[in-house]
């Protein structure tokens, strides 16, 4: 099934893409020409770490790259 999701980078641009449910987040980012290096990847506000096994499902609406926050160590 196809659905429209918003994909983008913060700060910057967010664009809508039509994708098939079951598409990996890695493929979605490639479709949007976005490189996740140096960014946290968030799907509907939840940080994910495995871009190849996390997939678009019926509830997915937003995929964002957010600058990594460096904390005190």
PDB file of N, CA and C in Angstrom:
ATOM      1  N   UNK A   1       0.841  -1.185   0.000  1.00  0.00           N
ATOM      2  CA  UNK A   1       0.000   0.000   0.000  1.00  0.00           C
ATOM      3  C   UNK A   1       0.886   1.247   0.000  1.00  0.00           C
ATOM      4  N   UNK A   2       0.524   2.221  -0.783  1.00  0.00           N
ATOM      5  CA  UNK A   2       1.288   3.465  -0.804  1.00  0.00           C
ATOM      6  C   UNK A   2       0.704   4.465   0.175  1.00  0.00           C
ATOM      7  N   UNK A   3       1.592   5.264   0.739  1.00  0.00           N
ATOM      8  CA  UNK A   3       1.140   6.335   1.617  1.00  0.00           C
ATOM      9  C   UNK A   3       2.087   7.509   1.457  1.00  0.00           C
ATOM     10  N   UNK A   4       1.636   8.690   1.823  1.00  0.00           N
ATOM     11  CA  UNK A   4       2.464   9.885   1.738  1.00  0.00           C
ATOM     12  C   UNK A   4       3.028  10.180   3.112  1.00  0.00           C
ATOM     13  N   UNK A   5       4.365  10.335   3.161  1.00  0.00           N
ATOM     14  CA  UNK A   5       5.010  10.709   4.418  1.00  0.00           C
ATOM     15  C   UNK A   5       5.854  11.947   4.170  1.00  0.00           C
ATOM     16  N   UNK A   6       6.160  12.656   5.251  1.00  0.00           N
ATOM     17  CA  UNK A   6       7.027  13.827   5.152  1.00  0.00           C
ATOM     18  C   UNK A   6       8.424  13.406   5.582  1.00  0.00           C
ATOM     19  N   UNK A   7       9.413  13.813   4.779  1.00  0.00           N
ATOM     20  CA  UNK A   7      10.803  13.457   5.032  1.00  0.00           C
ATOM     21  C   UNK A   7      11.623  14.723   4.967  1.00  0.00           C
ATOM     22  N   UNK A   8      12.515  14.929   5.946  1.00  0.00           N
ATOM     23  CA  UNK A   8      13.297  16.149   5.904  1.00  0.00           C
ATOM     24  C   UNK A   8      14.429  16.179   6.893  1.00  0.00           C
ATOM     25  N   UNK A   9      15.011  17.362   6.958  1.00  0.00           N
ATOM     26  CA  UNK A   9      16.178  17.600   7.795  1.00  0.00           C
ATOM     27  C   UNK A   9      15.931  18.886   8.566  1.00  0.00           C
ATOM     28  N   UNK A  10      16.321  18.889   9.840  1.00  0.00           N
ATOM     29  CA  UNK A  10      16.128  20.086  10.677  1.00  0.00           C
ATOM     30  C   UNK A  10      17.477  20.624  11.110  1.00  0.00           C
ATOM     31  N   UNK A  11      17.753  21.903  10.998  1.00  0.00           N
ATOM     32  CA  UNK A  11      16.879  22.863  10.308  1.00  0.00           C
ATOM     33  C   UNK A  11      17.018  22.691   8.812  1.00  0.00           C
ATOM     34  N   UNK A  12      16.021  23.051   8.083  1.00  0.00           N
ATOM     35  CA  UNK A  12      16.101  22.918   6.632  1.00  0.00           C
ATOM     36  C   UNK A  12      14.772  22.677   5.996  1.00  0.00           C
ATOM     37  N   UNK A  13      14.708  21.612   5.211  1.00  0.00           N
ATOM     38  CA  UNK A  13      13.521  21.394   4.388  1.00  0.00           C
ATOM     39  C   UNK A  13      12.807  20.101   4.760  1.00  0.00           C
ATOM     40  N   UNK A  14      11.509  20.102   4.545  1.00  0.00           N
ATOM     41  CA  UNK A  14      10.700  18.902   4.706  1.00  0.00           C
ATOM     42  C   UNK A  14       9.868  18.761   3.433  1.00  0.00           C
ATOM     43  N   UNK A  15       9.917  17.584   2.824  1.00  0.00           N
ATOM     44  CA  UNK A  15       9.227  17.340   1.569  1.00  0.00           C
ATOM     45  C   UNK A  15       8.356  16.099   1.708  1.00  0.00           C
ATOM     46  N   UNK A  16       7.260  16.057   0.977  1.00  0.00           N
ATOM     47  CA  UNK A  16       6.389  14.880   1.013  1.00  0.00           C
ATOM     48  C   UNK A  16       6.796  13.896  -0.070  1.00  0.00           C
ATOM     49  N   UNK A  17       6.767  12.615   0.284  1.00  0.00           N
ATOM     50  CA  UNK A  17       7.087  11.537  -0.645  1.00  0.00           C
ATOM     51  C   UNK A  17       6.028  10.461  -0.540  1.00  0.00           C
ATOM     52  N   UNK A  18       5.707   9.847  -1.677  1.00  0.00           N
ATOM     53  CA  UNK A  18       4.811   8.693  -1.683  1.00  0.00           C
ATOM     54  C   UNK A  18       5.682   7.446  -1.628  1.00  0.00           C
ATOM     55  N   UNK A  19       5.489   6.645  -0.599  1.00  0.00           N
ATOM     56  CA  UNK A  19       6.286   5.430  -0.427  1.00  0.00           C
ATOM     57  C   UNK A  19       5.351   4.249  -0.155  1.00  0.00           C
ATOM     58  N   UNK A  20       5.867   3.068  -0.387  1.00  0.00           N
ATOM     59  CA  UNK A  20       5.123   1.848  -0.117  1.00  0.00           C
ATOM     60  C   UNK A  20       5.381   1.424   1.323  1.00  0.00           C
ATOM     61  N   UNK A  21       4.336   1.017   2.029  1.00  0.00           N
ATOM     62  CA  UNK A  21       4.551   0.514   3.381  1.00  0.00           C
ATOM     63  C   UNK A  21       5.480  -0.687   3.298  1.00  0.00           C
ATOM     64  N   UNK A  22       6.391  -0.787   4.252  1.00  0.00           N
ATOM     65  CA  UNK A  22       7.398  -1.839   4.230  1.00  0.00           C
ATOM     66  C   UNK A  22       8.735  -1.361   3.694  1.00  0.00           C
ATOM     67  N   UNK A  23       8.784  -0.136   3.160  1.00  0.00           N
ATOM     68  CA  UNK A  23      10.039   0.434   2.672  1.00  0.00           C
ATOM     69  C   UNK A  23      10.922   0.775   3.870  1.00  0.00           C
ATOM     70  N   UNK A  24      12.211   0.432   3.792  1.00  0.00           N
ATOM     71  CA  UNK A  24      13.104   0.727   4.918  1.00  0.00           C
ATOM     72  C   UNK A  24      13.359   2.226   5.016  1.00  0.00           C
ATOM     73  N   UNK A  25      13.674   2.683   6.220  1.00  0.00           N
ATOM     74  CA  UNK A  25      13.985   4.096   6.433  1.00  0.00           C
ATOM     75  C   UNK A  25      15.236   4.477   5.642  1.00  0.00           C
ATOM     76  N   UNK A  26      16.192   3.551   5.511  1.00  0.00           N
ATOM     77  CA  UNK A  26      17.394   3.816   4.706  1.00  0.00           C
ATOM     78  C   UNK A  26      17.006   4.139   3.267  1.00  0.00           C
ATOM     79  N   UNK A  27      16.063   3.375   2.702  1.00  0.00           N
ATOM     80  CA  UNK A  27      15.615   3.626   1.328  1.00  0.00           C
ATOM     81  C   UNK A  27      14.861   4.948   1.215  1.00  0.00           C
ATOM     82  N   UNK A  28      14.078   5.277   2.229  1.00  0.00           N
ATOM     83  CA  UNK A  28      13.344   6.544   2.226  1.00  0.00           C
ATOM     84  C   UNK A  28      14.328   7.722   2.211  1.00  0.00           C
ATOM     85  N   UNK A  29      15.378   7.646   3.046  1.00  0.00           N
ATOM     86  CA  UNK A  29      16.370   8.723   3.084  1.00  0.00           C
ATOM     87  C   UNK A  29      17.121   8.826   1.759  1.00  0.00           C
ATOM     88  N   UNK A  30      17.413   7.682   1.142  1.00  0.00           N
ATOM     89  CA  UNK A  30      18.083   7.693  -0.164  1.00  0.00           C
ATOM     90  C   UNK A  30      17.187   8.337  -1.223  1.00  0.00           C
ATOM     91  N   UNK A  31      15.903   8.036  -1.179  1.00  0.00           N
ATOM     92  CA  UNK A  31      14.942   8.620  -2.115  1.00  0.00           C
ATOM     93  C   UNK A  31      14.908  10.144  -1.971  1.00  0.00           C
ATOM     94  N   UNK A  32      15.062  10.614  -0.734  1.00  0.00           N
ATOM     95  CA  UNK A  32      15.026  12.052  -0.456  1.00  0.00           C
ATOM     96  C   UNK A  32      16.411  12.698  -0.600  1.00  0.00           C
ATOM     97  N   UNK A  33      17.412  11.912  -1.015  1.00  0.00           N
ATOM     98  CA  UNK A  33      18.796  12.398  -1.163  1.00  0.00           C
ATOM     99  C   UNK A  33      19.330  12.997   0.137  1.00  0.00           C
ATOM    100  N   UNK A  34      19.051  12.321   1.255  1.00  0.00           N
ATOM    101  CA  UNK A  34      19.518  12.773   2.561  1.00  0.00           C
ATOM    102  C   UNK A  34      20.545  11.785   3.113  1.00  0.00           C
ATOM    103  N   UNK A  35      21.640  12.315   3.654  1.00  0.00           N
ATOM    104  CA  UNK A  35      22.688  11.504   4.262  1.00  0.00           C
ATOM    105  C   UNK A  35      22.555  11.599   5.780  1.00  0.00           C
ATOM    106  N   UNK A  36      22.299  10.484   6.461  1.00  0.00           N
ATOM    107  CA  UNK A  36      22.081  10.541   7.908  1.00  0.00           C
ATOM    108  C   UNK A  36      23.352  10.676   8.744  1.00  0.00           C
ATOM    109  N   UNK A  37      24.531  10.727   8.119  1.00  0.00           N
ATOM    110  CA  UNK A  37      25.789  10.842   8.871  1.00  0.00           C
ATOM    111  C   UNK A  37      25.784  12.117   9.711  1.00  0.00           C
ATOM    112  N   UNK A  38      26.049  11.957  11.015  1.00  0.00           N
ATOM    113  CA  UNK A  38      26.103  13.104  11.918  1.00  0.00           C
ATOM    114  C   UNK A  38      24.744  13.573  12.411  1.00  0.00           C
ATOM    115  N   UNK A  39      23.706  12.834  12.080  1.00  0.00           N
ATOM    116  CA  UNK A  39      22.352  13.200  12.501  1.00  0.00           C
ATOM    117  C   UNK A  39      21.703  12.064  13.278  1.00  0.00           C
ATOM    118  N   UNK A  40      20.763  12.422  14.159  1.00  0.00           N
ATOM    119  CA  UNK A  40      19.874  11.436  14.751  1.00  0.00           C
ATOM    120  C   UNK A  40      18.709  11.281  13.787  1.00  0.00           C
ATOM    121  N   UNK A  41      18.282  10.049  13.554  1.00  0.00           N
ATOM    122  CA  UNK A  41      17.138   9.799  12.682  1.00  0.00           C
ATOM    123  C   UNK A  41      15.927   9.557  13.577  1.00  0.00           C
ATOM    124  N   UNK A  42      14.881  10.340  13.365  1.00  0.00           N
ATOM    125  CA  UNK A  42      13.671  10.197  14.173  1.00  0.00           C
ATOM    126  C   UNK A  42      12.489   9.891  13.263  1.00  0.00           C
ATOM    127  N   UNK A  43      11.747   8.867  13.647  1.00  0.00           N
ATOM    128  CA  UNK A  43      10.531   8.484  12.937  1.00  0.00           C
ATOM    129  C   UNK A  43       9.371   8.787  13.867  1.00  0.00           C
ATOM    130  N   UNK A  44       8.553   9.747  13.484  1.00  0.00           N
ATOM    131  CA  UNK A  44       7.430  10.193  14.320  1.00  0.00           C
ATOM    132  C   UNK A  44       7.885  10.514  15.740  1.00  0.00           C
ATOM    133  N   UNK A  45       9.048  11.166  15.856  1.00  0.00           N
ATOM    134  CA  UNK A  45       9.556  11.623  17.142  1.00  0.00           C
ATOM    135  C   UNK A  45      10.381  10.609  17.903  1.00  0.00           C
ATOM    136  N   UNK A  46      10.420   9.362  17.464  1.00  0.00           N
ATOM    137  CA  UNK A  46      11.188   8.318  18.143  1.00  0.00           C
ATOM    138  C   UNK A  46      12.526   8.123  17.438  1.00  0.00           C
ATOM    139  N   UNK A  47      13.626   8.214  18.204  1.00  0.00           N
ATOM    140  CA  UNK A  47      14.953   8.014  17.629  1.00  0.00           C
ATOM    141  C   UNK A  47      15.130   6.544  17.254  1.00  0.00           C
ATOM    142  N   UNK A  48      15.630   6.306  16.040  1.00  0.00           N
ATOM    143  CA  UNK A  48      15.903   4.935  15.611  1.00  0.00           C
ATOM    144  C   UNK A  48      17.386   4.807  15.291  1.00  0.00           C
ATOM    145  N   UNK A  49      17.895   3.591  15.394  1.00  0.00           N
ATOM    146  CA  UNK A  49      19.312   3.377  15.132  1.00  0.00           C
ATOM    147  C   UNK A  49      19.558   2.442  13.957  1.00  0.00           C
ATOM    148  N   UNK A  50      18.641   1.528  13.681  1.00  0.00           N
ATOM    149  CA  UNK A  50      18.851   0.613  12.558  1.00  0.00           C
ATOM    150  C   UNK A  50      17.962   1.030  11.392  1.00  0.00           C
ATOM    151  N   UNK A  51      18.576   1.701  10.418  1.00  0.00           N
ATOM    152  CA  UNK A  51      17.820   2.265   9.303  1.00  0.00           C
ATOM    153  C   UNK A  51      17.353   1.196   8.315  1.00  0.00           C
ATOM    154  N   UNK A  52      18.008   0.050   8.316  1.00  0.00           N
ATOM    155  CA  UNK A  52      17.648  -0.985   7.346  1.00  0.00           C
ATOM    156  C   UNK A  52      16.513  -1.883   7.815  1.00  0.00           C
ATOM    157  N   UNK A  53      16.359  -2.055   9.129  1.00  0.00           N
ATOM    158  CA  UNK A  53      15.300  -2.936   9.613  1.00  0.00           C
ATOM    159  C   UNK A  53      14.058  -2.169  10.047  1.00  0.00           C
ATOM    160  N   UNK A  54      14.178  -0.862  10.266  1.00  0.00           N
ATOM    161  CA  UNK A  54      13.002  -0.058  10.595  1.00  0.00           C
ATOM    162  C   UNK A  54      12.320   0.305   9.284  1.00  0.00           C
ATOM    163  N   UNK A  55      11.017   0.039   9.201  1.00  0.00           N
ATOM    164  CA  UNK A  55      10.303   0.256   7.943  1.00  0.00           C
ATOM    165  C   UNK A  55       9.113   1.193   8.128  1.00  0.00           C
ATOM    166  N   UNK A  56       8.660   1.736   7.018  1.00  0.00           N
ATOM    167  CA  UNK A  56       7.458   2.565   7.004  1.00  0.00           C
ATOM    168  C   UNK A  56       6.261   1.646   7.219  1.00  0.00           C
ATOM    169  N   UNK A  57       5.404   2.019   8.183  1.00  0.00           N
ATOM    170  CA  UNK A  57       4.178   1.259   8.394  1.00  0.00           C
ATOM    171  C   UNK A  57       2.971   2.187   8.272  1.00  0.00           C
ATOM    172  N   UNK A  58       1.799   1.671   8.553  1.00  0.00           N
ATOM    173  CA  UNK A  58       0.575   2.459   8.388  1.00  0.00           C
ATOM    174  C   UNK A  58       0.553   3.704   9.268  1.00  0.00           C
ATOM    175  N   UNK A  59       1.277   3.692  10.382  1.00  0.00           N
ATOM    176  CA  UNK A  59       1.260   4.814  11.311  1.00  0.00           C
ATOM    177  C   UNK A  59       2.346   5.854  11.023  1.00  0.00           C
ATOM    178  N   UNK A  60       3.323   5.527  10.184  1.00  0.00           N
ATOM    179  CA  UNK A  60       4.442   6.439   9.922  1.00  0.00           C
ATOM    180  C   UNK A  60       3.966   7.659   9.150  1.00  0.00           C
ATOM    181  N   UNK A  61       4.366   8.857   9.627  1.00  0.00           N
ATOM    182  CA  UNK A  61       4.002  10.067   8.891  1.00  0.00           C
ATOM    183  C   UNK A  61       5.164  11.035   8.726  1.00  0.00           C
ATOM    184  N   UNK A  62       6.212  10.910   9.572  1.00  0.00           N
ATOM    185  CA  UNK A  62       7.298  11.890   9.530  1.00  0.00           C
ATOM    186  C   UNK A  62       8.643  11.218   9.808  1.00  0.00           C
ATOM    187  N   UNK A  63       9.614  11.457   8.925  1.00  0.00           N
ATOM    188  CA  UNK A  63      10.985  10.991   9.118  1.00  0.00           C
ATOM    189  C   UNK A  63      11.871  12.223   9.088  1.00  0.00           C
ATOM    190  N   UNK A  64      12.593  12.470  10.182  1.00  0.00           N
ATOM    191  CA  UNK A  64      13.419  13.671  10.292  1.00  0.00           C
ATOM    192  C   UNK A  64      14.856  13.334  10.646  1.00  0.00           C
ATOM    193  N   UNK A  65      15.777  14.087  10.058  1.00  0.00           N
ATOM    194  CA  UNK A  65      17.169  14.054  10.497  1.00  0.00           C
ATOM    195  C   UNK A  65      17.355  15.267  11.384  1.00  0.00           C
ATOM    196  N   UNK A  66      17.857  15.037  12.597  1.00  0.00           N
ATOM    197  CA  UNK A  66      18.043  16.100  13.578  1.00  0.00           C
ATOM    198  C   UNK A  66      19.502  16.091  14.010  1.00  0.00           C
ATOM    199  N   UNK A  67      20.127  17.266  14.063  1.00  0.00           N
ATOM    200  CA  UNK A  67      21.533  17.351  14.478  1.00  0.00           C
ATOM    201  C   UNK A  67      21.707  16.654  15.821  1.00  0.00           C
ATOM    202  N   UNK A  68      22.762  15.850  15.914  1.00  0.00           N
ATOM    203  CA  UNK A  68      23.061  15.156  17.160  1.00  0.00           C
ATOM    204  C   UNK A  68      23.417  16.181  18.233  1.00  0.00           C
ATOM    205  N   UNK A  69      22.867  15.975  19.426  1.00  0.00           N
ATOM    206  CA  UNK A  69      23.169  16.851  20.554  1.00  0.00           C
ATOM    207  C   UNK A  69      24.330  16.249  21.319  1.00  0.00           C
ATOM    208  N   UNK A  70      25.382  17.016  21.476  1.00  0.00           N
ATOM    209  CA  UNK A  70      26.540  16.534  22.221  1.00  0.00           C
ATOM    210  C   UNK A  70      26.352  16.929  23.676  1.00  0.00           C
ATOM    211  N   UNK A  71      26.374  15.925  24.548  1.00  0.00           N
ATOM    212  CA  UNK A  71      26.173  16.182  25.973  1.00  0.00           C
ATOM    213  C   UNK A  71      27.490  16.271  26.713  1.00  0.00           C
ATOM    214  N   UNK A  72      27.404  16.603  27.990  1.00  0.00           N
ATOM    215  CA  UNK A  72      28.593  16.641  28.843  1.00  0.00           C
ATOM    216  C   UNK A  72      29.003  15.225  29.187  1.00  0.00           C
ATOM    217  N   UNK A  73      30.296  14.963  29.142  1.00  0.00           N
ATOM    218  CA  UNK A  73      30.758  13.609  29.465  1.00  0.00           C
ATOM    219  C   UNK A  73      31.640  13.639  30.683  1.00  0.00           C
TER     220      UNK A  73
END
